[in-house]
Amino acid sequence: MFLQKAHLNYLLLIAISFYLNSCSSSKKTSDSNQWKLTWSDEFNYTGLPDSNKWTYDVGGNGWGNNELEYYTNASLANAHVNNGTLKITAIHEDKAGRNYTSARLVTKGKQDFTYGKIEIRAKLPAGRGLWPAIWMLGADAAKVGWPLCGEIDIMEHVGYEKDSVLGTIHTKAYNHILGTQKSKKTYIENPYSEFHLFSIEWTPEKIDFFVDNKLYNHFENEHKTVAEWPFDKPFFLIMNIAVGGGLGGKMGIDETAFPALLEVDYVRVYSRK
């Protein structure tokens, strides 16, 4: 009898542990009533992205990642809005010594953000060698440089891993050059045919990463130095499709993937009520 009771207690402990882990892994975003919308682009217009909200990083210098594209300036071929969505398009064409063009939209100089909930509903481009990203850099990047400025990768996807996305933090202490970046991967279903919601909740104490409101990465403020936590200052938003690069190009490039489309339904930024 004692052995039977002990066995039952053991099974009960396993069941409780499984339940708690399941609850933790399925944690949702916080109650929407806690937030108020402070900035957005709903893309309910036609033409180039709203110049009051977006500008462009321009050039083909590899962008520190050995990328192969040339980012254009206000080209409708690479970034345009119609039918309620923003289309960022990577094209296989020659420009300024590069074999691909794309767009890298930024809110730099237009709007910065410190803390809050940031949501982007988007459908991803398919193709090996593509590297779409929705991310943030510290507004002081030009002054202090990377990685001291800090980087928040809300969503990264590489075309050779068709079923997953990444959420990552880079700082002076934690970055991919050192191999110490704070990164996690999560499964995503039908990223190329369906829109998904990519978001973070950013407070003075932590940054949480979500896909479709499900938590998959959590980074806490260790209260050490700016080398670990440079996230108490303004950051700007970036959306782009890179081609090739140190991460995106690991498995080569599928030349049949072009033109490649990152389609964005909306970008919304909330602050605590």
C-alpha atoms as a PDB file:
ATOM      1  CA  MET A   1       0.000   0.000   0.000  1.00  0.00           C
ATOM      2  CA  PHE A   2       2.804   2.411   0.887  1.00  0.00           C
ATOM      3  CA  LEU A   3       4.463   1.780  -2.458  1.00  0.00           C
ATOM      4  CA  GLN A   4       1.164   2.316  -4.263  1.00  0.00           C
ATOM      5  CA  LYS A   5       0.598   5.633  -2.446  1.00  0.00           C
ATOM      6  CA  ALA A   6       4.167   6.720  -3.148  1.00  0.00           C
ATOM      7  CA  HIS A   7       3.716   5.845  -6.815  1.00  0.00           C
ATOM      8  CA  LEU A   8       0.457   7.805  -6.952  1.00  0.00           C
ATOM      9  CA  ASN A   9       2.095  10.814  -5.285  1.00  0.00           C
ATOM     10  CA  TYR A  10       4.936  10.631  -7.797  1.00  0.00           C
ATOM     11  CA  LEU A  11       2.472  10.589 -10.687  1.00  0.00           C
ATOM     12  CA  LEU A  12       0.606  13.521  -9.139  1.00  0.00           C
ATOM     13  CA  LEU A  13       3.828  15.528  -8.877  1.00  0.00           C
ATOM     14  CA  ILE A  14       4.597  14.812 -12.538  1.00  0.00           C
ATOM     15  CA  ALA A  15       1.098  15.918 -13.539  1.00  0.00           C
ATOM     16  CA  ILE A  16       1.374  19.144 -11.539  1.00  0.00           C
ATOM     17  CA  SER A  17       4.804  19.878 -13.007  1.00  0.00           C
ATOM     18  CA  PHE A  18       3.516  19.289 -16.547  1.00  0.00           C
ATOM     19  CA  TYR A  19       0.550  21.571 -15.892  1.00  0.00           C
ATOM     20  CA  LEU A  20       2.720  24.388 -14.557  1.00  0.00           C
ATOM     21  CA  ASN A  21       5.153  24.122 -17.453  1.00  0.00           C
ATOM     22  CA  SER A  22       2.281  24.130 -19.927  1.00  0.00           C
ATOM     23  CA  CYS A  23       0.819  27.253 -18.343  1.00  0.00           C
ATOM     24  CA  SER A  24       4.205  28.960 -18.466  1.00  0.00           C
ATOM     25  CA  SER A  25       4.856  28.108 -22.124  1.00  0.00           C
ATOM     26  CA  SER A  26       1.412  29.320 -23.190  1.00  0.00           C
ATOM     27  CA  LYS A  27       1.493  32.650 -21.360  1.00  0.00           C
ATOM     28  CA  LYS A  28      -0.381  35.321 -23.234  1.00  0.00           C
ATOM     29  CA  THR A  29       0.239  39.024 -23.618  1.00  0.00           C
ATOM     30  CA  SER A  30      -1.065  41.206 -20.811  1.00  0.00           C
ATOM     31  CA  ASP A  31      -4.637  42.473 -20.725  1.00  0.00           C
ATOM     32  CA  SER A  32      -5.282  44.892 -23.581  1.00  0.00           C
ATOM     33  CA  ASN A  33      -7.111  47.186 -21.134  1.00  0.00           C
ATOM     34  CA  GLN A  34      -3.710  48.039 -19.643  1.00  0.00           C
ATOM     35  CA  TRP A  35      -2.558  49.717 -22.848  1.00  0.00           C
ATOM     36  CA  LYS A  36      -3.415  52.792 -24.907  1.00  0.00           C
ATOM     37  CA  LEU A  37      -2.493  53.252 -28.559  1.00  0.00           C
ATOM     38  CA  THR A  38       0.051  56.062 -28.981  1.00  0.00           C
ATOM     39  CA  TRP A  39       1.410  55.602 -32.537  1.00  0.00           C
ATOM     40  CA  SER A  40       0.494  53.496 -35.536  1.00  0.00           C
ATOM     41  CA  ASP A  41       0.490  53.066 -39.266  1.00  0.00           C
ATOM     42  CA  GLU A  42      -2.572  51.201 -40.525  1.00  0.00           C
ATOM     43  CA  PHE A  43      -1.476  51.515 -44.187  1.00  0.00           C
ATOM     44  CA  ASN A  44      -4.938  52.656 -45.269  1.00  0.00           C
ATOM     45  CA  TYR A  45      -3.593  54.808 -48.102  1.00  0.00           C
ATOM     46  CA  THR A  46      -1.898  54.325 -51.465  1.00  0.00           C
ATOM     47  CA  GLY A  47       1.632  55.092 -52.646  1.00  0.00           C
ATOM     48  CA  LEU A  48       4.937  55.383 -50.844  1.00  0.00           C
ATOM     49  CA  PRO A  49       5.041  54.766 -47.072  1.00  0.00           C
ATOM     50  CA  ASP A  50       3.920  57.830 -45.083  1.00  0.00           C
ATOM     51  CA  SER A  51       6.886  60.216 -45.080  1.00  0.00           C
ATOM     52  CA  ASN A  52       5.728  61.658 -41.751  1.00  0.00           C
ATOM     53  CA  LYS A  53       6.387  58.268 -40.181  1.00  0.00           C
ATOM     54  CA  TRP A  54       9.020  56.499 -42.258  1.00  0.00           C
ATOM     55  CA  THR A  55      12.301  57.179 -43.975  1.00  0.00           C
ATOM     56  CA  TYR A  56      14.889  54.863 -45.571  1.00  0.00           C
ATOM     57  CA  ASP A  57      18.297  53.444 -44.849  1.00  0.00           C
ATOM     58  CA  VAL A  58      19.984  53.523 -48.270  1.00  0.00           C
ATOM     59  CA  GLY A  59      22.955  51.710 -49.779  1.00  0.00           C
ATOM     60  CA  GLY A  60      24.670  48.431 -50.507  1.00  0.00           C
ATOM     61  CA  ASN A  61      27.552  48.298 -48.054  1.00  0.00           C
ATOM     62  CA  GLY A  62      26.659  44.933 -46.529  1.00  0.00           C
ATOM     63  CA  TRP A  63      25.239  46.563 -43.377  1.00  0.00           C
ATOM     64  CA  GLY A  64      27.692  44.797 -41.095  1.00  0.00           C
ATOM     65  CA  ASN A  65      26.285  41.376 -42.011  1.00  0.00           C
ATOM     66  CA  ASN A  66      27.720  40.761 -45.503  1.00  0.00           C
ATOM     67  CA  GLU A  67      24.266  41.320 -46.975  1.00  0.00           C
ATOM     68  CA  LEU A  68      23.985  41.301 -50.766  1.00  0.00           C
ATOM     69  CA  GLU A  69      21.155  43.749 -51.452  1.00  0.00           C
ATOM     70  CA  TYR A  70      21.098  47.461 -52.241  1.00  0.00           C
ATOM     71  CA  TYR A  71      18.501  49.328 -50.174  1.00  0.00           C
ATOM     72  CA  THR A  72      16.764  51.932 -52.315  1.00  0.00           C
ATOM     73  CA  ASN A  73      15.395  55.355 -51.433  1.00  0.00           C
ATOM     74  CA  ALA A  74      11.647  55.863 -51.867  1.00  0.00           C
ATOM     75  CA  SER A  75      11.284  53.370 -54.697  1.00  0.00           C
ATOM     76  CA  LEU A  76       7.730  52.179 -55.325  1.00  0.00           C
ATOM     77  CA  ALA A  77       9.194  48.969 -56.706  1.00  0.00           C
ATOM     78  CA  ASN A  78      10.679  48.126 -53.301  1.00  0.00           C
ATOM     79  CA  ALA A  79       8.215  49.727 -50.877  1.00  0.00           C
ATOM     80  CA  HIS A  80       4.640  50.730 -51.573  1.00  0.00           C
ATOM     81  CA  VAL A  81       1.232  50.746 -49.915  1.00  0.00           C
ATOM     82  CA  ASN A  82      -2.024  49.627 -51.468  1.00  0.00           C
ATOM     83  CA  ASN A  83      -5.120  47.613 -50.566  1.00  0.00           C
ATOM     84  CA  GLY A  84      -4.507  48.202 -46.868  1.00  0.00           C
ATOM     85  CA  THR A  85      -0.987  46.768 -46.553  1.00  0.00           C
ATOM     86  CA  LEU A  86       2.625  47.802 -46.910  1.00  0.00           C
ATOM     87  CA  LYS A  87       4.604  45.737 -49.414  1.00  0.00           C
ATOM     88  CA  ILE A  88       8.385  45.569 -48.974  1.00  0.00           C
ATOM     89  CA  THR A  89       9.785  43.777 -52.026  1.00  0.00           C
ATOM     90  CA  ALA A  90      13.209  42.300 -52.692  1.00  0.00           C
ATOM     91  CA  ILE A  91      14.004  42.113 -56.421  1.00  0.00           C
ATOM     92  CA  HIS A  92      16.725  40.296 -58.349  1.00  0.00           C
ATOM     93  CA  GLU A  93      18.184  43.205 -60.323  1.00  0.00           C
ATOM     94  CA  ASP A  94      21.519  44.994 -60.615  1.00  0.00           C
ATOM     95  CA  LYS A  95      22.075  48.282 -58.836  1.00  0.00           C
ATOM     96  CA  ALA A  96      25.286  50.000 -57.736  1.00  0.00           C
ATOM     97  CA  GLY A  97      27.317  46.811 -57.946  1.00  0.00           C
ATOM     98  CA  ARG A  98      24.734  44.673 -56.174  1.00  0.00           C
ATOM     99  CA  ASN A  99      22.545  41.967 -57.700  1.00  0.00           C
ATOM    100  CA  TYR A 100      19.451  42.608 -55.584  1.00  0.00           C
ATOM    101  CA  THR A 101      17.396  45.583 -54.446  1.00  0.00           C
ATOM    102  CA  SER A 102      15.189  45.852 -51.382  1.00  0.00           C
ATOM    103  CA  ALA A 103      13.909  48.418 -48.878  1.00  0.00           C
ATOM    104  CA  ARG A 104      14.815  49.141 -45.271  1.00  0.00           C
ATOM    105  CA  LEU A 105      12.173  51.365 -43.687  1.00  0.00           C
ATOM    106  CA  VAL A 106      12.997  53.153 -40.431  1.00  0.00           C
ATOM    107  CA  THR A 107      11.264  55.584 -38.079  1.00  0.00           C
ATOM    108  CA  LYS A 108      14.672  57.131 -37.341  1.00  0.00           C
ATOM    109  CA  GLY A 109      14.392  60.897 -37.108  1.00  0.00           C
ATOM    110  CA  LYS A 110      10.593  60.622 -37.240  1.00  0.00           C
ATOM    111  CA  GLN A 111       9.568  58.737 -34.113  1.00  0.00           C
ATOM    112  CA  ASP A 112      11.391  57.018 -31.275  1.00  0.00           C
ATOM    113  CA  PHE A 113       9.956  54.789 -28.568  1.00  0.00           C
ATOM    114  CA  THR A 114      10.877  53.969 -24.971  1.00  0.00           C
ATOM    115  CA  TYR A 115       8.992  51.079 -23.329  1.00  0.00           C
ATOM    116  CA  GLY A 116       5.529  49.915 -24.324  1.00  0.00           C
ATOM    117  CA  LYS A 117       3.889  47.209 -26.383  1.00  0.00           C
ATOM    118  CA  ILE A 118       4.821  47.072 -30.059  1.00  0.00           C
ATOM    119  CA  GLU A 119       2.774  44.991 -32.485  1.00  0.00           C
ATOM    120  CA  ILE A 120       3.350  44.249 -36.174  1.00  0.00           C
ATOM    121  CA  ARG A 121       0.954  42.031 -38.123  1.00  0.00           C
ATOM    122  CA  ALA A 122       2.768  40.657 -41.134  1.00  0.00           C
ATOM    123  CA  LYS A 123       3.065  37.882 -43.707  1.00  0.00           C
ATOM    124  CA  LEU A 124       6.604  36.737 -44.489  1.00  0.00           C
ATOM    125  CA  PRO A 125       8.439  36.194 -47.793  1.00  0.00           C
ATOM    126  CA  ALA A 126       9.351  32.636 -48.777  1.00  0.00           C
ATOM    127  CA  GLY A 127      12.729  31.607 -50.133  1.00  0.00           C
ATOM    128  CA  ARG A 128      16.137  30.319 -49.112  1.00  0.00           C
ATOM    129  CA  GLY A 129      18.553  33.214 -48.756  1.00  0.00           C
ATOM    130  CA  LEU A 130      15.926  35.728 -47.639  1.00  0.00           C
ATOM    131  CA  TRP A 131      16.254  37.364 -44.226  1.00  0.00           C
ATOM    132  CA  PRO A 132      13.217  39.515 -43.359  1.00  0.00           C
ATOM    133  CA  ALA A 133      13.316  41.343 -40.042  1.00  0.00           C
ATOM    134  CA  ILE A 134      11.240  43.648 -37.857  1.00  0.00           C
ATOM    135  CA  TRP A 135      13.488  45.163 -35.234  1.00  0.00           C
ATOM    136  CA  MET A 136      14.747  48.178 -33.273  1.00  0.00           C
ATOM    137  CA  LEU A 137      18.011  50.044 -32.662  1.00  0.00           C
ATOM    138  CA  GLY A 138      18.903  52.573 -30.000  1.00  0.00           C
ATOM    139  CA  ALA A 139      18.414  56.102 -31.303  1.00  0.00           C
ATOM    140  CA  ASP A 140      22.014  56.859 -30.274  1.00  0.00           C
ATOM    141  CA  ALA A 141      23.416  54.197 -32.642  1.00  0.00           C
ATOM    142  CA  ALA A 142      25.250  56.737 -34.806  1.00  0.00           C
ATOM    143  CA  LYS A 143      26.897  58.205 -31.713  1.00  0.00           C
ATOM    144  CA  VAL A 144      27.834  55.187 -29.571  1.00  0.00           C
ATOM    145  CA  GLY A 145      27.862  52.469 -32.244  1.00  0.00           C
ATOM    146  CA  TRP A 146      26.644  48.895 -32.218  1.00  0.00           C
ATOM    147  CA  PRO A 147      26.245  46.919 -29.997  1.00  0.00           C
ATOM    148  CA  LEU A 148      26.422  49.504 -27.196  1.00  0.00           C
ATOM    149  CA  CYS A 149      23.323  51.192 -28.632  1.00  0.00           C
ATOM    150  CA  GLY A 150      21.318  47.994 -28.094  1.00  0.00           C
ATOM    151  CA  GLU A 151      19.192  46.007 -30.542  1.00  0.00           C
ATOM    152  CA  ILE A 152      15.761  44.391 -30.156  1.00  0.00           C
ATOM    153  CA  ASP A 153      14.891  41.888 -32.886  1.00  0.00           C
ATOM    154  CA  ILE A 154      11.114  41.592 -32.625  1.00  0.00           C
ATOM    155  CA  MET A 155      11.062  39.097 -35.499  1.00  0.00           C
ATOM    156  CA  GLU A 156      13.711  37.548 -37.720  1.00  0.00           C
ATOM    157  CA  HIS A 157      13.134  34.756 -40.210  1.00  0.00           C
ATOM    158  CA  VAL A 158      15.568  32.916 -42.449  1.00  0.00           C
ATOM    159  CA  GLY A 159      14.222  31.217 -45.541  1.00  0.00           C
ATOM    160  CA  TYR A 160      16.032  27.925 -44.994  1.00  0.00           C
ATOM    161  CA  GLU A 161      14.098  27.434 -41.709  1.00  0.00           C
ATOM    162  CA  LYS A 162      10.546  27.567 -43.012  1.00  0.00           C
ATOM    163  CA  ASP A 163       8.756  26.859 -39.756  1.00  0.00           C
ATOM    164  CA  SER A 164      10.347  29.211 -37.235  1.00  0.00           C
ATOM    165  CA  VAL A 165      11.100  32.807 -36.270  1.00  0.00           C
ATOM    166  CA  LEU A 166      13.584  34.311 -33.835  1.00  0.00           C
ATOM    167  CA  GLY A 167      13.320  36.935 -31.104  1.00  0.00           C
ATOM    168  CA  THR A 168      16.687  38.277 -29.962  1.00  0.00           C
ATOM    169  CA  ILE A 169      18.411  40.852 -27.768  1.00  0.00           C
ATOM    170  CA  HIS A 170      21.861  42.273 -28.605  1.00  0.00           C
ATOM    171  CA  THR A 171      23.867  44.457 -26.215  1.00  0.00           C
ATOM    172  CA  LYS A 172      27.548  45.106 -25.590  1.00  0.00           C
ATOM    173  CA  ALA A 173      27.625  42.146 -23.205  1.00  0.00           C
ATOM    174  CA  TYR A 174      25.186  39.943 -25.116  1.00  0.00           C
ATOM    175  CA  ASN A 175      25.632  39.841 -28.887  1.00  0.00           C
ATOM    176  CA  HIS A 176      26.216  37.449 -31.765  1.00  0.00           C
ATOM    177  CA  ILE A 177      29.851  38.507 -32.240  1.00  0.00           C
ATOM    178  CA  LEU A 178      30.584  37.117 -28.771  1.00  0.00           C
ATOM    179  CA  GLY A 179      28.049  34.311 -29.180  1.00  0.00           C
ATOM    180  CA  THR A 180      26.218  35.575 -26.091  1.00  0.00           C
ATOM    181  CA  GLN A 181      23.079  37.012 -27.709  1.00  0.00           C
ATOM    182  CA  LYS A 182      19.815  36.371 -25.849  1.00  0.00           C
ATOM    183  CA  SER A 183      17.846  34.610 -28.564  1.00  0.00           C
ATOM    184  CA  LYS A 184      15.052  32.074 -28.793  1.00  0.00           C
ATOM    185  CA  LYS A 185      13.303  30.408 -31.698  1.00  0.00           C
ATOM    186  CA  THR A 186       9.648  29.468 -31.928  1.00  0.00           C
ATOM    187  CA  TYR A 187       7.534  27.447 -34.334  1.00  0.00           C
ATOM    188  CA  ILE A 188       5.260  29.349 -36.697  1.00  0.00           C
ATOM    189  CA  GLU A 189       2.574  27.802 -38.872  1.00  0.00           C
ATOM    190  CA  ASN A 190       1.984  28.972 -42.452  1.00  0.00           C
ATOM    191  CA  PRO A 191       4.245  32.065 -42.280  1.00  0.00           C
ATOM    192  CA  TYR A 192       4.028  32.647 -46.045  1.00  0.00           C
ATOM    193  CA  SER A 193       0.277  32.291 -46.589  1.00  0.00           C
ATOM    194  CA  GLU A 194      -1.119  33.786 -43.381  1.00  0.00           C
ATOM    195  CA  PHE A 195      -0.602  36.962 -41.369  1.00  0.00           C
ATOM    196  CA  HIS A 196       0.856  36.581 -37.883  1.00  0.00           C
ATOM    197  CA  LEU A 197       1.187  39.016 -34.992  1.00  0.00           C
ATOM    198  CA  PHE A 198       4.751  39.710 -33.856  1.00  0.00           C
ATOM    199  CA  SER A 199       5.073  41.752 -30.675  1.00  0.00           C
ATOM    200  CA  ILE A 200       7.092  42.706 -27.639  1.00  0.00           C
ATOM    201  CA  GLU A 201       6.195  44.078 -24.224  1.00  0.00           C
ATOM    202  CA  TRP A 202       9.022  46.288 -23.007  1.00  0.00           C
ATOM    203  CA  THR A 203       9.218  47.726 -19.492  1.00  0.00           C
ATOM    204  CA  PRO A 204      12.076  49.017 -17.309  1.00  0.00           C
ATOM    205  CA  GLU A 205      12.353  45.465 -15.915  1.00  0.00           C
ATOM    206  CA  LYS A 206      12.030  43.123 -18.922  1.00  0.00           C
ATOM    207  CA  ILE A 207      11.389  42.573 -22.610  1.00  0.00           C
ATOM    208  CA  ASP A 208       8.998  39.768 -23.572  1.00  0.00           C
ATOM    209  CA  PHE A 209       8.640  38.391 -27.116  1.00  0.00           C
ATOM    210  CA  PHE A 210       5.390  37.003 -28.535  1.00  0.00           C
ATOM    211  CA  VAL A 211       4.054  35.406 -31.698  1.00  0.00           C
ATOM    212  CA  ASP A 212       0.275  35.510 -31.998  1.00  0.00           C
ATOM    213  CA  ASN A 213       0.142  36.635 -28.350  1.00  0.00           C
ATOM    214  CA  LYS A 214       2.068  33.599 -27.077  1.00  0.00           C
ATOM    215  CA  LEU A 215       5.220  34.262 -25.063  1.00  0.00           C
ATOM    216  CA  TYR A 216       8.391  32.507 -26.235  1.00  0.00           C
ATOM    217  CA  ASN A 217      11.334  34.656 -25.080  1.00  0.00           C
ATOM    218  CA  HIS A 218      11.881  36.644 -21.884  1.00  0.00           C
ATOM    219  CA  PHE A 219      14.817  38.941 -21.100  1.00  0.00           C
ATOM    220  CA  GLU A 220      15.153  40.531 -17.664  1.00  0.00           C
ATOM    221  CA  ASN A 221      16.965  43.658 -16.539  1.00  0.00           C
ATOM    222  CA  GLU A 222      19.800  42.375 -14.359  1.00  0.00           C
ATOM    223  CA  HIS A 223      20.412  45.888 -13.004  1.00  0.00           C
ATOM    224  CA  LYS A 224      24.116  45.774 -13.789  1.00  0.00           C
ATOM    225  CA  THR A 225      25.397  48.279 -16.393  1.00  0.00           C
ATOM    226  CA  VAL A 226      24.427  49.698 -19.771  1.00  0.00           C
ATOM    227  CA  ALA A 227      26.479  46.893 -21.317  1.00  0.00           C
ATOM    228  CA  GLU A 228      23.795  44.421 -20.228  1.00  0.00           C
ATOM    229  CA  TRP A 229      20.723  46.678 -20.357  1.00  0.00           C
ATOM    230  CA  PRO A 230      20.824  49.685 -22.717  1.00  0.00           C
ATOM    231  CA  PHE A 231      17.017  49.721 -22.916  1.00  0.00           C
ATOM    232  CA  ASP A 232      16.087  52.746 -20.796  1.00  0.00           C
ATOM    233  CA  LYS A 233      16.247  55.156 -23.729  1.00  0.00           C
ATOM    234  CA  PRO A 234      14.601  55.823 -27.115  1.00  0.00           C
ATOM    235  CA  PHE A 235      14.726  53.234 -29.914  1.00  0.00           C
ATOM    236  CA  PHE A 236      13.514  53.458 -33.507  1.00  0.00           C
ATOM    237  CA  LEU A 237      11.757  50.807 -35.604  1.00  0.00           C
ATOM    238  CA  ILE A 238      13.160  49.057 -38.692  1.00  0.00           C
ATOM    239  CA  MET A 239      11.497  46.765 -41.254  1.00  0.00           C
ATOM    240  CA  ASN A 240      13.438  45.185 -44.111  1.00  0.00           C
ATOM    241  CA  ILE A 241      14.193  42.191 -46.286  1.00  0.00           C
ATOM    242  CA  ALA A 242      17.885  41.390 -46.436  1.00  0.00           C
ATOM    243  CA  VAL A 243      19.297  39.030 -49.050  1.00  0.00           C
ATOM    244  CA  GLY A 244      22.072  36.651 -48.048  1.00  0.00           C
ATOM    245  CA  GLY A 245      24.224  37.765 -45.142  1.00  0.00           C
ATOM    246  CA  GLY A 246      25.872  35.954 -42.272  1.00  0.00           C
ATOM    247  CA  LEU A 247      22.602  34.483 -41.026  1.00  0.00           C
ATOM    248  CA  GLY A 248      20.247  34.619 -44.009  1.00  0.00           C
ATOM    249  CA  GLY A 249      22.731  33.352 -46.586  1.00  0.00           C
ATOM    250  CA  LYS A 250      24.140  30.347 -44.719  1.00  0.00           C
ATOM    251  CA  MET A 251      22.449  27.893 -47.078  1.00  0.00           C
ATOM    252  CA  GLY A 252      22.808  29.880 -50.288  1.00  0.00           C
ATOM    253  CA  ILE A 253      20.173  31.767 -52.243  1.00  0.00           C
ATOM    254  CA  ASP A 254      17.236  30.405 -54.211  1.00  0.00           C
ATOM    255  CA  GLU A 255      17.135  32.655 -57.261  1.00  0.00           C
ATOM    256  CA  THR A 256      13.544  31.579 -57.986  1.00  0.00           C
ATOM    257  CA  ALA A 257      12.360  33.291 -54.774  1.00  0.00           C
ATOM    258  CA  PHE A 258      12.279  36.744 -56.365  1.00  0.00           C
ATOM    259  CA  PRO A 259      10.433  39.025 -56.260  1.00  0.00           C
ATOM    260  CA  ALA A 260      10.013  38.370 -52.546  1.00  0.00           C
ATOM    261  CA  LEU A 261       7.327  40.130 -50.525  1.00  0.00           C
ATOM    262  CA  LEU A 262       7.119  41.110 -46.855  1.00  0.00           C
ATOM    263  CA  GLU A 263       3.524  42.286 -46.404  1.00  0.00           C
ATOM    264  CA  VAL A 264       2.622  44.337 -43.314  1.00  0.00           C
ATOM    265  CA  ASP A 265      -0.982  44.883 -42.254  1.00  0.00           C
ATOM    266  CA  TYR A 266      -0.240  47.362 -39.467  1.00  0.00           C
ATOM    267  CA  VAL A 267       2.310  48.641 -36.962  1.00  0.00           C
ATOM    268  CA  ARG A 268       0.969  49.714 -33.558  1.00  0.00           C
ATOM    269  CA  VAL A 269       2.736  51.079 -30.487  1.00  0.00           C
ATOM    270  CA  TYR A 270       1.027  51.234 -27.103  1.00  0.00           C
ATOM    271  CA  SER A 271       1.977  52.737 -23.767  1.00  0.00           C
ATOM    272  CA  ARG A 272       0.768  51.809 -20.293  1.00  0.00           C
ATOM    273  CA  LYS A 273      -2.447  53.538 -19.277  1.00  0.00           C
END
